[in-house]
Protein backbone atom coordinates (compact mmCIF):
# COMPACT_ATOMS: atom_id res chain seq x y z
CA MET A 1 -37.05 -112.21 275.45
CA ASN A 2 -38.91 -115.22 276.69
CA ALA A 3 -39.31 -114.18 280.27
CA THR A 4 -42.95 -113.30 280.88
CA CYS A 5 -44.65 -110.67 282.97
CA ALA A 6 -45.47 -113.24 285.60
CA SER A 7 -42.03 -114.72 285.93
CA GLY A 8 -39.53 -111.85 285.95
CA PRO A 9 -39.04 -108.17 286.66
CA SER A 10 -39.16 -107.22 282.98
CA PRO A 11 -42.62 -107.87 281.49
CA ARG A 12 -41.32 -109.33 278.24
CA PRO A 13 -43.74 -111.64 276.44
CA ALA A 14 -42.86 -114.93 274.85
CA HIS A 15 -42.52 -115.30 271.10
CA SER A 16 -44.42 -118.12 269.50
CA ALA A 17 -43.24 -119.30 266.13
CA SER A 18 -45.73 -121.09 263.98
CA SER A 19 -43.34 -123.95 263.31
CA SER A 20 -42.05 -124.75 266.77
CA ASP A 21 -44.01 -123.25 269.64
CA ALA A 22 -42.82 -125.66 272.29
CA ASP A 23 -39.26 -126.26 271.17
CA MET A 24 -37.99 -122.68 271.48
CA ASN A 25 -35.24 -122.15 274.05
CA PRO A 26 -36.80 -120.15 276.91
CA THR A 27 -33.52 -118.37 277.66
CA GLN A 28 -32.44 -117.40 274.14
CA ALA A 29 -34.11 -115.47 271.35
CA PRO A 30 -32.93 -114.43 267.92
CA ARG A 31 -31.31 -111.07 267.64
CA HIS A 32 -33.74 -109.94 264.98
CA PRO A 33 -37.00 -111.68 265.94
CA SER A 34 -39.87 -111.94 263.49
CA PHE A 35 -43.10 -110.62 264.94
CA GLN A 36 -45.23 -112.08 262.17
CA ASP A 37 -45.77 -115.24 264.22
CA TYR A 38 -45.80 -113.56 267.60
CA GLN A 39 -48.19 -114.76 270.31
CA ASP A 40 -48.48 -113.70 273.93
CA ILE A 41 -48.37 -117.25 275.29
CA SER A 42 -48.18 -116.28 278.95
CA TRP A 43 -51.55 -114.55 278.65
CA THR A 44 -53.46 -116.74 276.21
CA ASN A 45 -52.49 -120.13 277.66
CA SER A 46 -54.32 -119.68 280.95
CA ALA A 47 -56.47 -122.60 282.10
CA TYR A 48 -57.78 -120.49 285.00
CA ARG A 49 -59.26 -117.85 282.71
CA SER A 50 -60.63 -120.45 280.30
CA LEU A 51 -62.42 -122.24 283.12
CA LEU A 52 -63.95 -118.98 284.37
CA SER A 53 -65.24 -118.15 280.88
CA ALA A 54 -66.87 -121.57 280.57
CA VAL A 55 -68.46 -121.23 284.03
CA VAL A 56 -69.94 -117.82 283.19
CA ALA A 57 -71.31 -119.08 279.87
CA THR A 58 -72.88 -122.15 281.48
CA SER A 59 -74.35 -120.22 284.41
CA ALA A 60 -75.95 -117.75 282.00
CA ILE A 61 -78.28 -120.42 280.60
CA ALA A 62 -79.22 -121.87 283.99
CA ALA A 63 -81.93 -119.27 284.61
CA PRO A 64 -83.62 -119.72 281.19
CA LEU A 65 -83.39 -123.44 281.83
CA ALA A 66 -85.24 -122.96 285.12
CA VAL A 67 -87.99 -121.07 283.30
CA MET A 68 -88.35 -123.91 280.78
CA GLN A 69 -88.55 -126.45 283.59
CA THR A 70 -91.32 -124.38 285.18
CA ILE A 71 -93.54 -124.09 282.12
CA THR A 72 -92.86 -127.52 280.60
CA ALA A 73 -92.60 -131.11 281.76
CA TRP A 74 -89.44 -131.83 279.77
CA ARG A 75 -86.53 -133.70 281.28
CA LEU A 76 -83.63 -131.27 280.96
CA GLY A 77 -81.17 -132.55 283.55
CA TYR A 78 -78.61 -133.34 280.86
CA LEU A 79 -78.52 -129.82 279.50
CA LEU A 80 -76.19 -128.03 281.95
CA PRO A 81 -73.31 -130.57 281.73
CA MET A 82 -73.46 -130.61 277.95
CA ALA A 83 -73.71 -126.81 277.84
CA PHE A 84 -70.55 -126.66 279.95
CA ALA A 85 -68.85 -128.95 277.43
CA ALA A 86 -70.02 -126.68 274.60
CA ALA A 87 -68.61 -123.65 276.41
CA LEU A 88 -65.26 -125.38 276.95
CA GLU A 89 -65.13 -126.32 273.29
CA GLY A 90 -65.87 -122.72 272.29
CA VAL A 91 -63.06 -121.46 274.52
CA TYR A 92 -60.62 -124.03 273.16
CA SER A 93 -61.46 -123.43 269.50
CA THR A 94 -61.20 -119.65 269.93
CA LEU A 95 -57.79 -119.97 271.57
CA GLN A 96 -56.66 -122.26 268.76
CA LEU A 97 -57.86 -119.84 266.10
CA GLY A 98 -55.88 -117.11 267.85
CA ARG A 99 -52.64 -118.95 267.17
CA PRO A 100 -50.58 -117.67 264.22
CA ARG A 101 -50.41 -121.01 262.45
CA TRP A 102 -54.23 -121.25 262.47
CA ARG A 103 -54.68 -118.16 260.32
CA ASP A 104 -55.76 -120.24 257.34
CA ARG A 105 -58.56 -121.84 259.37
CA ARG A 106 -60.21 -118.64 260.55
CA GLY A 107 -63.39 -118.49 258.58
CA LEU A 108 -67.09 -119.07 258.54
CA ALA A 109 -66.74 -122.71 257.51
CA PHE A 110 -64.96 -123.57 260.77
CA ARG A 111 -67.66 -121.97 262.92
CA LEU A 112 -70.44 -123.55 260.88
CA GLY A 113 -68.78 -126.90 261.52
CA GLU A 114 -68.97 -126.24 265.26
CA ILE A 115 -72.64 -125.31 264.98
CA ALA A 116 -73.36 -128.50 263.02
CA LEU A 117 -71.52 -130.54 265.66
CA TRP A 118 -73.50 -129.14 268.58
CA LEU A 119 -76.82 -129.38 266.79
CA VAL A 120 -76.15 -133.06 266.11
CA LEU A 121 -75.17 -133.60 269.75
CA ALA A 122 -78.28 -131.72 270.91
CA ARG A 123 -80.52 -133.95 268.80
CA ALA A 124 -78.77 -137.08 270.09
CA ALA A 125 -79.01 -135.84 273.70
CA VAL A 126 -82.76 -135.27 273.42
CA TRP A 127 -83.22 -138.78 272.06
CA ALA A 128 -80.90 -140.41 274.60
CA PHE A 129 -82.02 -138.64 277.79
CA ALA A 130 -85.58 -137.43 277.16
CA THR A 131 -87.75 -138.77 274.35
CA GLY A 132 -86.07 -142.03 273.40
CA TRP A 133 -84.63 -143.10 270.10
CA PRO A 134 -86.97 -142.81 267.08
CA GLY A 135 -88.45 -145.77 265.27
CA LEU A 136 -89.35 -146.48 261.68
CA VAL A 137 -92.69 -144.71 262.04
CA GLU A 138 -91.01 -141.46 263.08
CA LEU A 139 -88.47 -141.76 260.28
CA ALA A 140 -91.27 -142.15 257.74
CA ARG A 141 -93.04 -139.08 259.17
CA TRP A 142 -89.85 -137.01 258.93
CA LEU A 143 -89.46 -138.02 255.29
CA ARG A 144 -92.96 -136.81 254.48
CA ASP A 145 -92.84 -133.72 256.71
CA PRO A 146 -89.25 -132.69 257.67
CA ILE A 147 -90.47 -129.91 259.98
CA LEU A 148 -91.59 -132.54 262.49
CA PHE A 149 -87.93 -133.37 263.11
CA PHE A 150 -87.44 -129.97 264.77
CA ASP A 151 -89.63 -130.44 267.83
CA GLY A 152 -89.78 -127.94 270.68
CA GLN A 153 -87.39 -129.70 273.03
CA PHE A 154 -84.73 -130.06 270.34
CA VAL A 155 -85.04 -126.38 269.38
CA VAL A 156 -84.73 -125.22 273.00
CA THR A 157 -81.79 -127.54 273.66
CA GLY A 158 -79.99 -126.45 270.51
CA VAL A 159 -80.55 -122.75 271.24
CA LEU A 160 -79.23 -123.09 274.81
CA PHE A 161 -76.20 -125.05 273.59
CA LEU A 162 -75.40 -122.41 271.00
CA LEU A 163 -76.01 -119.63 273.55
CA ALA A 164 -73.42 -121.08 275.94
CA TRP A 165 -71.04 -121.74 273.07
CA GLY A 166 -71.39 -118.23 271.64
CA LEU A 167 -71.01 -116.52 275.02
CA SER A 168 -67.80 -118.43 275.73
CA ILE A 169 -66.47 -117.45 272.30
CA GLY A 170 -67.21 -113.78 272.98
CA LEU A 171 -65.51 -113.80 276.38
CA THR A 172 -62.44 -115.60 275.07
CA GLY A 173 -62.22 -113.24 272.10
CA ASP A 174 -62.26 -110.22 274.42
CA PHE A 175 -59.38 -111.59 276.47
CA LEU A 176 -57.44 -112.37 273.30
CA ASP A 177 -57.87 -108.72 272.32
CA LEU A 178 -56.47 -107.71 275.72
CA ALA A 179 -53.21 -109.58 275.12
CA LEU A 180 -50.01 -107.82 274.03
CA ARG A 181 -49.80 -107.38 270.29
CA PRO A 182 -46.88 -107.73 267.87
CA ASP A 183 -46.71 -104.00 267.09
CA GLU A 184 -46.43 -103.19 270.79
CA VAL A 185 -43.57 -105.63 271.23
CA ALA A 186 -41.87 -104.35 268.06
CA ALA A 187 -42.06 -100.74 269.24
CA HIS A 188 -40.85 -101.73 272.71
CA ASP A 189 -37.88 -103.82 271.57
CA SER A 190 -36.83 -101.77 268.54
CA HIS A 191 -33.90 -100.16 270.38
CA GLU A 192 -32.31 -103.60 270.85
CA TRP A 193 -32.13 -104.34 267.12
CA GLY A 194 -29.47 -101.81 266.23
CA ASP A 195 -31.45 -100.79 263.14
CA SER A 196 -32.15 -97.14 262.56
CA ARG A 197 -35.30 -97.95 260.60
CA SER A 198 -36.78 -99.74 263.62
CA GLN A 199 -37.12 -96.40 265.36
CA LEU A 200 -39.84 -95.52 262.87
CA ARG A 201 -42.05 -98.41 263.98
CA VAL A 202 -45.12 -97.03 265.73
CA TYR A 203 -47.74 -99.47 266.95
CA TYR A 204 -51.45 -98.90 266.65
CA PRO A 205 -52.70 -98.08 270.15
CA VAL A 206 -55.20 -100.58 271.49
CA SER A 207 -58.08 -99.17 273.53
CA ARG A 208 -58.07 -101.81 276.23
CA GLY A 209 -60.30 -99.63 278.36
CA ALA A 210 -63.03 -99.86 275.70
CA ILE A 211 -62.59 -103.63 275.55
CA VAL A 212 -62.98 -103.87 279.34
CA ASN A 213 -66.06 -101.63 279.23
CA ARG A 214 -67.55 -103.82 276.53
CA LEU A 215 -66.84 -106.93 278.57
CA ALA A 216 -68.36 -105.37 281.70
CA ALA A 217 -71.49 -104.20 279.86
CA ARG A 218 -72.00 -107.65 278.37
CA TRP A 219 -71.58 -109.29 281.77
CA ILE A 220 -73.93 -106.85 283.55
CA TRP A 221 -76.69 -107.14 280.96
CA GLY A 222 -76.36 -110.89 281.03
CA GLY A 223 -76.62 -110.78 284.82
CA LEU A 224 -79.83 -108.76 284.63
CA LEU A 225 -81.29 -111.30 282.24
CA VAL A 226 -80.25 -114.16 284.51
CA VAL A 227 -81.81 -112.50 287.58
CA PHE A 228 -84.99 -111.70 285.66
CA CYS A 229 -85.36 -115.29 284.44
CA ALA A 230 -84.72 -116.59 287.95
CA ALA A 231 -87.43 -114.29 289.31
CA VAL A 232 -89.90 -115.19 286.55
CA SER A 233 -89.47 -118.86 287.41
CA ARG A 234 -90.96 -118.14 290.85
CA VAL A 235 -93.81 -115.82 289.77
CA GLU A 236 -97.36 -117.10 289.93
CA ILE A 237 -100.51 -115.43 288.59
CA SER A 238 -103.83 -116.27 290.22
CA THR A 239 -107.21 -114.86 289.26
CA SER A 240 -110.21 -114.25 291.45
CA PRO A 241 -113.68 -112.85 290.75
CA ARG A 242 -112.57 -109.42 292.01
CA PHE A 243 -108.99 -108.90 290.79
CA THR A 244 -105.87 -110.62 289.61
CA GLN A 245 -103.12 -111.38 292.12
CA ILE A 246 -99.51 -111.39 291.04
CA GLY A 247 -96.79 -112.37 293.48
CA LEU A 248 -94.00 -114.76 294.29
CA SER A 249 -94.95 -118.34 294.90
CA GLN A 250 -92.08 -118.63 297.34
CA LEU A 251 -89.06 -116.50 298.05
CA GLY A 252 -86.66 -119.39 298.42
CA LEU A 253 -85.14 -120.22 295.06
CA PRO A 254 -84.10 -123.78 294.26
CA ARG A 255 -80.54 -124.67 295.06
CA GLU A 256 -79.56 -125.12 291.42
CA ILE A 257 -80.78 -121.61 290.58
CA LEU A 258 -78.92 -120.13 293.54
CA ALA A 259 -75.79 -122.00 292.53
CA ALA A 260 -76.08 -120.74 288.96
CA LEU A 261 -76.53 -117.13 290.09
CA LEU A 262 -73.63 -117.41 292.51
CA CYS A 263 -71.33 -118.97 289.91
CA TYR A 264 -72.28 -116.40 287.28
CA PHE A 265 -71.53 -113.35 289.39
CA VAL A 266 -68.50 -114.76 291.22
CA ALA A 267 -66.88 -116.00 288.00
CA GLY A 268 -67.78 -112.72 286.30
CA LEU A 269 -66.12 -110.68 289.03
CA LEU A 270 -63.00 -112.82 288.74
CA LEU A 271 -62.99 -112.28 284.97
CA MET A 272 -63.30 -108.53 285.47
CA SER A 273 -60.30 -108.75 287.78
CA GLN A 274 -58.37 -110.51 285.02
CA ALA A 275 -59.41 -107.80 282.55
CA ARG A 276 -58.10 -105.15 284.93
CA LEU A 277 -54.85 -107.07 285.18
CA ALA A 278 -54.57 -107.08 281.37
CA VAL A 279 -54.88 -103.28 281.28
CA LEU A 280 -52.24 -102.81 283.98
CA ARG A 281 -49.99 -105.38 282.36
CA SER A 282 -50.00 -103.54 279.02
CA GLN A 283 -49.33 -100.21 280.76
CA TRP A 284 -46.40 -101.67 282.68
CA TYR A 285 -44.96 -103.23 279.55
CA ASN A 286 -45.31 -100.18 277.30
CA GLY A 287 -43.95 -97.97 280.08
CA ASP A 288 -40.99 -100.32 280.57
CA LEU A 289 -41.73 -100.63 284.29
CA GLN A 290 -40.21 -103.34 286.44
CA VAL A 291 -42.98 -105.37 288.10
CA PRO A 292 -42.38 -107.73 291.01
CA PRO A 293 -43.13 -111.28 289.88
CA THR A 294 -44.98 -112.02 293.12
CA LEU A 295 -47.59 -109.36 292.31
CA LEU A 296 -48.58 -111.05 289.09
CA ARG A 297 -48.46 -114.55 290.53
CA ARG A 298 -50.66 -113.64 293.50
CA TRP A 299 -53.19 -111.62 291.54
CA PRO A 300 -55.63 -114.50 290.84
CA LEU A 301 -55.45 -115.76 294.42
CA ASN A 302 -55.95 -112.31 295.93
CA SER A 303 -58.90 -111.67 293.62
CA LEU A 304 -60.49 -114.98 294.53
CA LEU A 305 -60.12 -114.35 298.25
CA THR A 306 -61.60 -110.86 297.92
CA VAL A 307 -64.63 -112.07 295.98
CA LEU A 308 -65.21 -114.96 298.37
CA LEU A 309 -65.10 -112.53 301.28
CA VAL A 310 -67.79 -110.40 299.64
CA VAL A 311 -69.89 -113.51 299.00
CA ALA A 312 -69.55 -114.60 302.62
CA ILE A 313 -70.67 -111.19 303.86
CA ALA A 314 -73.63 -111.23 301.46
CA ALA A 315 -74.61 -114.69 302.66
CA LEU A 316 -74.97 -113.35 306.20
CA LEU A 317 -77.52 -110.72 305.18
CA PRO A 318 -81.05 -111.38 306.47
CA ILE A 319 -82.60 -112.40 303.16
CA GLY A 320 -85.25 -115.05 303.35
CA SER A 321 -88.93 -115.63 303.66
CA THR A 322 -88.97 -114.13 307.18
CA GLY A 323 -86.57 -111.22 306.67
CA TRP A 324 -87.87 -107.70 306.49
CA LEU A 325 -85.93 -107.03 303.29
CA ALA A 326 -87.46 -110.02 301.53
CA THR A 327 -90.95 -108.95 302.58
CA ALA A 328 -90.34 -105.45 301.30
CA LEU A 329 -88.99 -106.75 298.01
CA GLU A 330 -91.99 -109.02 297.57
CA THR A 331 -94.39 -106.15 298.27
CA VAL A 332 -92.65 -103.79 295.86
CA LEU A 333 -92.45 -106.45 293.14
CA ALA A 334 -96.11 -107.39 293.51
CA PHE A 335 -97.13 -103.72 293.44
CA LEU A 336 -95.09 -102.98 290.32
CA MET A 337 -96.46 -106.01 288.51
CA ARG A 338 -100.03 -105.05 289.42
CA VAL A 339 -99.43 -101.53 288.14
CA ALA A 340 -97.97 -102.91 284.92
CA TYR A 341 -100.93 -105.26 284.52
CA LEU A 342 -103.36 -102.38 285.12
CA VAL A 343 -101.59 -100.14 282.62
CA LEU A 344 -101.62 -102.92 280.04
CA THR A 345 -105.35 -103.46 280.60
CA VAL A 346 -106.10 -99.75 280.21
CA LEU A 347 -104.02 -99.50 277.04
CA THR A 348 -105.77 -102.53 275.58
CA PHE A 349 -109.18 -101.02 276.39
CA LEU A 350 -108.25 -97.67 274.82
CA PHE A 351 -106.90 -99.39 271.73
CA THR A 352 -110.15 -101.35 271.43
CA LEU A 353 -112.19 -98.14 271.67
CA LEU A 354 -109.99 -96.57 269.00
CA LEU A 355 -110.62 -99.41 266.58
CA TYR A 356 -114.34 -99.78 267.37
CA PRO A 357 -115.54 -97.30 264.66
CA LEU A 358 -113.73 -99.42 262.08
CA SER A 359 -115.34 -102.65 263.18
CA PHE A 360 -118.08 -102.38 260.53
CA LEU A 361 -115.43 -102.96 257.88
CA PHE A 362 -114.89 -106.45 259.17
CA ARG A 363 -118.53 -107.39 259.67
CA GLN A 364 -120.09 -109.97 257.42
CA PRO A 365 -123.52 -109.24 255.91
CA GLY A 366 -125.04 -112.37 257.30
CA ALA A 367 -124.37 -115.79 258.57
CA GLN A 368 -123.46 -117.85 255.58
CA ALA A 369 -123.37 -121.56 255.51
CA PRO A 370 -119.89 -122.97 255.37
CA PRO A 371 -118.86 -124.01 251.88
CA PRO A 372 -119.21 -127.69 251.16
CA PRO A 373 -116.04 -129.69 251.38
CA PRO A 374 -114.29 -130.16 248.06
CA ARG A 375 -115.06 -133.34 246.21
CA MET A 376 -112.39 -135.94 246.33
CA GLU A 377 -111.49 -136.70 242.77
CA ILE A 378 -110.12 -140.11 242.03
CA PRO A 379 -107.00 -139.72 239.89
CA THR A 380 -106.80 -141.57 236.65
CA GLN A 381 -104.33 -144.36 236.10
CA GLN A 382 -102.00 -142.09 234.15
CA GLN A 383 -102.07 -139.44 236.90
CA ALA A 384 -101.44 -142.04 239.57
CA VAL A 385 -98.43 -143.37 237.69
CA SER A 386 -96.97 -139.94 236.93
CA ARG A 387 -97.50 -138.57 240.45
CA LEU A 388 -94.31 -138.38 242.54
CA PRO A 389 -94.24 -140.12 245.95
CA ASP A 390 -94.98 -137.85 248.91
CA TRP A 391 -91.68 -138.69 250.61
CA LEU A 392 -89.46 -137.69 247.68
CA GLY A 393 -89.31 -133.97 248.53
CA GLY A 394 -88.43 -134.63 252.16
CA ALA A 395 -85.79 -137.17 251.16
CA LEU A 396 -84.12 -134.68 248.80
CA LEU A 397 -84.17 -132.03 251.54
CA TRP A 398 -82.55 -134.39 254.03
CA VAL A 399 -79.89 -135.40 251.52
CA VAL A 400 -79.00 -131.73 250.97
CA LEU A 401 -78.91 -131.01 254.72
CA VAL A 402 -76.77 -134.06 255.44
CA LEU A 403 -74.30 -133.17 252.69
CA ILE A 404 -73.97 -129.55 253.81
CA GLY A 405 -73.74 -130.40 257.51
CA GLY A 406 -71.31 -133.24 256.81
CA TYR A 407 -69.07 -130.95 254.81
CA PHE A 408 -68.85 -128.36 257.59
CA LEU A 409 -68.41 -131.06 260.22
CA LEU A 410 -65.57 -132.71 258.30
CA ASN A 411 -63.96 -129.32 257.81
CA TYR A 412 -64.08 -128.71 261.56
CA LEU A 413 -62.68 -132.13 262.45
CA SER A 414 -59.96 -131.81 259.84
CA ALA A 415 -58.93 -128.40 261.21
CA HIS A 416 -58.43 -129.95 264.65
CA GLY A 417 -56.40 -132.79 263.16
CA LEU A 418 -58.93 -135.45 264.19
CA LEU A 419 -59.03 -137.00 260.73
CA SER A 420 -55.45 -138.20 260.54
CA GLY A 421 -54.16 -141.75 260.10
CA ARG A 422 -56.67 -144.36 259.04
CA TRP A 423 -59.55 -141.91 259.10
CA ARG A 424 -57.74 -139.64 256.68
CA GLU A 425 -56.91 -142.53 254.34
CA TRP A 426 -60.50 -143.74 254.45
CA LEU A 427 -61.83 -140.26 253.69
CA GLN A 428 -59.39 -139.88 250.82
CA GLN A 429 -60.50 -143.21 249.38
CA LEU A 430 -64.11 -142.15 249.81
CA ARG A 431 -63.34 -138.85 248.10
CA PHE A 432 -61.62 -140.56 245.16
CA TRP A 433 -64.49 -143.04 244.87
CA TRP A 434 -67.00 -140.20 244.80
CA ARG A 435 -64.98 -138.33 242.19
CA ALA A 436 -64.83 -141.44 240.00
CA ARG A 437 -68.56 -142.04 240.36
CA TRP A 438 -69.30 -138.39 239.67
CA ALA A 439 -67.08 -138.42 236.58
CA GLY A 440 -68.83 -141.56 235.34
CA LEU A 441 -72.22 -140.01 236.02
CA ARG A 442 -71.26 -136.89 234.11
CA ALA A 443 -70.00 -138.99 231.19
CA HIS A 444 -73.26 -140.97 231.06
CA ALA A 445 -75.26 -137.77 231.32
CA HIS A 446 -73.27 -136.23 228.47
CA THR A 447 -73.79 -139.32 226.31
CA ALA A 448 -77.51 -139.32 227.06
CA ALA A 449 -77.73 -135.60 226.29
CA VAL A 450 -75.98 -136.06 222.94
CA THR A 451 -78.25 -138.98 222.05
CA LEU A 452 -81.34 -137.03 223.04
CA ARG A 453 -80.17 -134.02 221.05
CA LYS A 454 -79.71 -136.16 217.95
CA ARG A 455 -83.13 -137.69 218.38
CA LEU A 456 -84.71 -134.28 218.80
CA GLN A 457 -82.94 -133.00 215.70
CA SER A 458 -84.15 -135.97 213.69
CA ALA A 459 -87.64 -135.50 215.10
CA ARG A 460 -87.69 -131.93 213.84
CA LEU A 461 -88.50 -133.27 210.39
CA THR A 462 -92.11 -132.43 209.97
CA ARG A 463 -94.69 -135.07 209.64
CA LEU A 464 -95.41 -133.79 206.20
CA GLU A 465 -91.91 -134.75 205.08
CA VAL A 466 -92.34 -138.12 206.67
CA LEU A 467 -95.55 -138.58 204.80
CA GLY A 468 -93.69 -138.11 201.52
CA GLY A 469 -91.84 -141.41 201.77
CA ARG A 470 -92.32 -144.26 199.36
CA HIS A 471 -93.27 -146.92 201.87
CA ILE A 472 -95.88 -145.77 204.35
CA ARG A 473 -98.17 -147.95 206.42
CA LEU A 474 -101.51 -146.18 206.41
CA SER A 475 -102.67 -148.20 209.41
CA ALA A 476 -99.89 -146.58 211.48
CA LEU A 477 -101.19 -143.05 210.75
CA ALA A 478 -103.91 -141.23 212.62
CA PRO A 479 -107.12 -140.50 210.68
CA ALA A 480 -106.26 -136.79 210.28
CA GLU A 481 -102.73 -137.59 209.14
CA ARG A 482 -104.12 -140.11 206.68
CA ILE A 483 -106.39 -137.50 205.05
CA ARG A 484 -103.51 -135.03 204.81
CA TYR A 485 -101.43 -137.74 203.15
CA PHE A 486 -104.15 -138.37 200.57
CA TYR A 487 -104.45 -134.72 199.60
CA LEU A 488 -100.72 -134.02 199.44
CA ARG A 489 -100.14 -137.16 197.42
CA ALA A 490 -102.77 -136.03 194.93
CA ILE A 491 -101.29 -132.51 194.72
CA GLY A 492 -97.85 -134.03 194.14
CA ARG A 493 -99.20 -136.15 191.31
CA ALA A 494 -100.86 -133.08 189.78
CA ALA A 495 -97.52 -131.26 189.94
CA ASP A 496 -95.93 -134.16 188.09
CA ARG A 497 -98.56 -133.66 185.38
CA GLY A 498 -97.58 -130.01 184.99
CA LEU A 499 -100.11 -128.30 187.29
CA THR A 500 -98.37 -126.86 190.37
CA ARG A 501 -100.23 -124.89 193.01
CA PRO A 502 -98.95 -121.29 193.16
CA PRO A 503 -97.75 -120.18 196.62
CA HIS A 504 -100.30 -117.34 196.80
CA LYS A 505 -103.29 -119.68 196.43
CA THR A 506 -104.96 -121.58 199.23
CA PRO A 507 -106.22 -125.15 198.76
CA LEU A 508 -109.76 -123.84 198.21
CA GLU A 509 -108.56 -121.30 195.62
CA PHE A 510 -106.65 -124.05 193.82
CA ILE A 511 -109.81 -126.13 193.22
CA PRO A 512 -110.83 -124.30 189.98
CA ASP A 513 -107.39 -124.96 188.48
CA LEU A 514 -107.69 -128.68 189.21
CA VAL A 515 -111.27 -128.84 187.91
CA SER A 516 -110.34 -127.01 184.70
CA GLU A 517 -107.60 -129.57 184.08
CA TRP A 518 -109.60 -132.66 185.16
CA PRO A 519 -113.28 -131.76 184.84
CA GLU A 520 -114.39 -135.36 185.21
CA ALA A 521 -113.15 -135.36 188.85
CA ASP A 522 -114.64 -132.02 189.95
CA VAL A 523 -116.79 -133.51 192.73
CA ASP A 524 -114.01 -135.70 194.09
CA VAL A 525 -111.47 -132.83 193.98
CA LYS A 526 -113.80 -130.60 196.01
CA ALA A 527 -114.51 -133.41 198.49
CA LEU A 528 -110.81 -134.22 198.93
CA THR A 529 -109.92 -130.53 199.40
CA ASP A 530 -112.69 -129.99 201.96
CA ALA A 531 -111.57 -133.08 203.88
CA PHE A 532 -107.96 -131.83 203.88
CA VAL A 533 -108.95 -128.36 205.14
CA ALA A 534 -111.03 -129.94 207.92
CA ALA A 535 -108.20 -132.26 208.95
CA ARG A 536 -105.59 -129.49 208.75
CA TYR A 537 -107.39 -126.56 210.37
CA ASP A 538 -110.50 -127.84 212.12
CA ARG A 539 -110.28 -128.66 215.84
CA ARG A 540 -112.85 -131.41 215.73
CA PRO A 541 -111.44 -134.94 215.90
CA ILE A 542 -111.36 -137.00 212.72
CA VAL A 543 -112.76 -140.49 213.05
CA ALA A 544 -111.52 -143.56 211.21
CA ASP A 545 -114.72 -143.98 209.17
CA GLU A 546 -114.29 -140.48 207.73
CA ALA A 547 -110.70 -141.25 206.73
CA ARG A 548 -111.89 -144.48 205.12
CA ASP A 549 -114.45 -142.57 203.02
CA VAL A 550 -111.82 -140.01 201.99
CA GLN A 551 -109.57 -142.87 200.89
CA GLY A 552 -112.15 -143.86 198.28
CA VAL A 553 -112.31 -140.26 197.02
CA PHE A 554 -108.52 -140.20 196.87
CA ARG A 555 -108.43 -143.33 194.69
CA ARG A 556 -110.88 -141.82 192.18
CA VAL A 557 -108.86 -138.58 192.01
CA MET A 558 -105.64 -140.51 191.45
CA ALA A 559 -107.34 -142.55 188.72
CA ALA A 560 -108.42 -139.32 187.01
CA LEU A 561 -104.88 -137.94 187.26
CA ARG A 562 -103.46 -141.11 185.73
CA GLY A 563 -105.79 -140.72 182.79
CA LYS A 564 -103.59 -137.92 181.38
CA ALA A 565 -100.42 -138.64 179.42
CA ASP A 566 -97.29 -139.27 181.44
CA LEU A 567 -95.66 -136.22 179.86
CA THR A 568 -95.13 -132.82 181.35
CA ALA A 569 -95.94 -129.54 179.65
CA ASP A 570 -92.50 -129.30 178.01
CA GLY A 571 -92.72 -132.80 176.62
CA ARG A 572 -90.37 -134.58 178.99
CA LYS A 573 -91.20 -137.79 180.83
CA ALA A 574 -92.83 -137.13 184.17
CA ASP A 575 -91.12 -138.20 187.36
CA ARG A 576 -93.11 -140.87 189.17
CA THR A 577 -91.51 -140.13 192.53
CA PRO A 578 -94.20 -138.81 194.89
CA ARG A 579 -93.64 -135.31 196.17
CA VAL A 580 -95.05 -133.45 199.11
CA GLU A 581 -95.50 -129.73 199.31
CA LYS A 582 -94.33 -127.74 202.25
CA ALA A 583 -96.59 -127.27 205.23
CA LEU A 584 -99.45 -124.96 204.57
């Protein structure tokens, strides 16, 4: 069972158990194998195919890199080697995720960890090889305006890194789909089990032809983009008083661009050869055909020799600045670009004529003077103290980004087993420390919330109830509160004397009742009531002198109330405890 297509006449794949992939005896297999942890090791563990995928992914970004070097003055010599490393990492991680025992790690968090890793490396590469490491001034600027951290060179570098990484993941995923699957092996080997139920196993047919077509289409479209970017890097546009000239600055491409184009197409052809081998391999296996081992072993070498022969023949073609084919290509390209430029000019002119009748809608009636600049208002001391610092928002944003990126990065490193040993112990201690601090913070927050809730509940007692206390410092009250205290104290004393204000009467309507009971204080009762109404309902501020005058009126009213007998209407002794009516 463990003899592979490349090492024996019977194209039997190897079984890979999730617990012991390397310790399985290559000459023995269980009688009733479990296909739950099956893996086509002979196909997936191919360093040759992995290297080709990384080369194609790296070569694909060489042409966009050449365009960026043409239009900018950035130093980007570090980008291709690091993009190759990103492509290799994408190939390796995809192969690892294809293993049965990595099923629990296949998710978005793992891929986001990879993205976070390469964005961090891209930022560090820009600092180390191009712009230099930032200082305190730059750090302060990033705190105030975080968008300045994402400069143009970092964005381009990060996008190219992720482009190479994503392309390598796509290529590796296609070749994993071309491998033999567990249902195919189960249907092929069911007759060896001696189980009648195994004859009912029917595998889901895999359309490997569609996978190869998808791979070829992706490679061809990528090649067109690479060739277009390489051509754009050599295009120059010059203007003259008569017309615009568009042509090639020089037909000879730089050696790095030629090398990238050559590597992209040669490696792509070799990958297409491997895809064709995968289709034939599955057909041979499902058809139970005996394949000579030498055919499968020599396939990569024969493909490489064939492609190199085609490249050698193409190198001998008369293409150059003096060849007739190059001159014809330059003429055709210049003509097509001039036609495109002319068509674009005509379309722009027609579009302008179409919108000309609507131009009056956007006209201004006259030239108006620009508005004066807004006055700079000096904030008060209270506003200056309460205003938050300008760096606080950026700092909070960076804390959130670091926490999220750190989580995904730690998840990625932990999945690869890079956080074992001392690192794992240190992270566990850090995790326990954070949990303890977080629990303490939550406990303090709960205690503070309970205390604040109690204070708010106690503060819900209205000021009117507070004013009804026995011991009140009048100097601690505001003038309006002092006037309200005087009136309510007088009304409470009147209630003790047997005259209570009915609920349906307002303070002004209650004046005649008070005057009829204490006619000697009619003027003071009216003055005290008017002062209370003004303090209770009027929006104007009450000054201290007004409260001081009302205090004298209050004393005369209280003296008049004390002039009556200290007996209520039913003859009982009146309660001296001051009372306060409910809020009006």
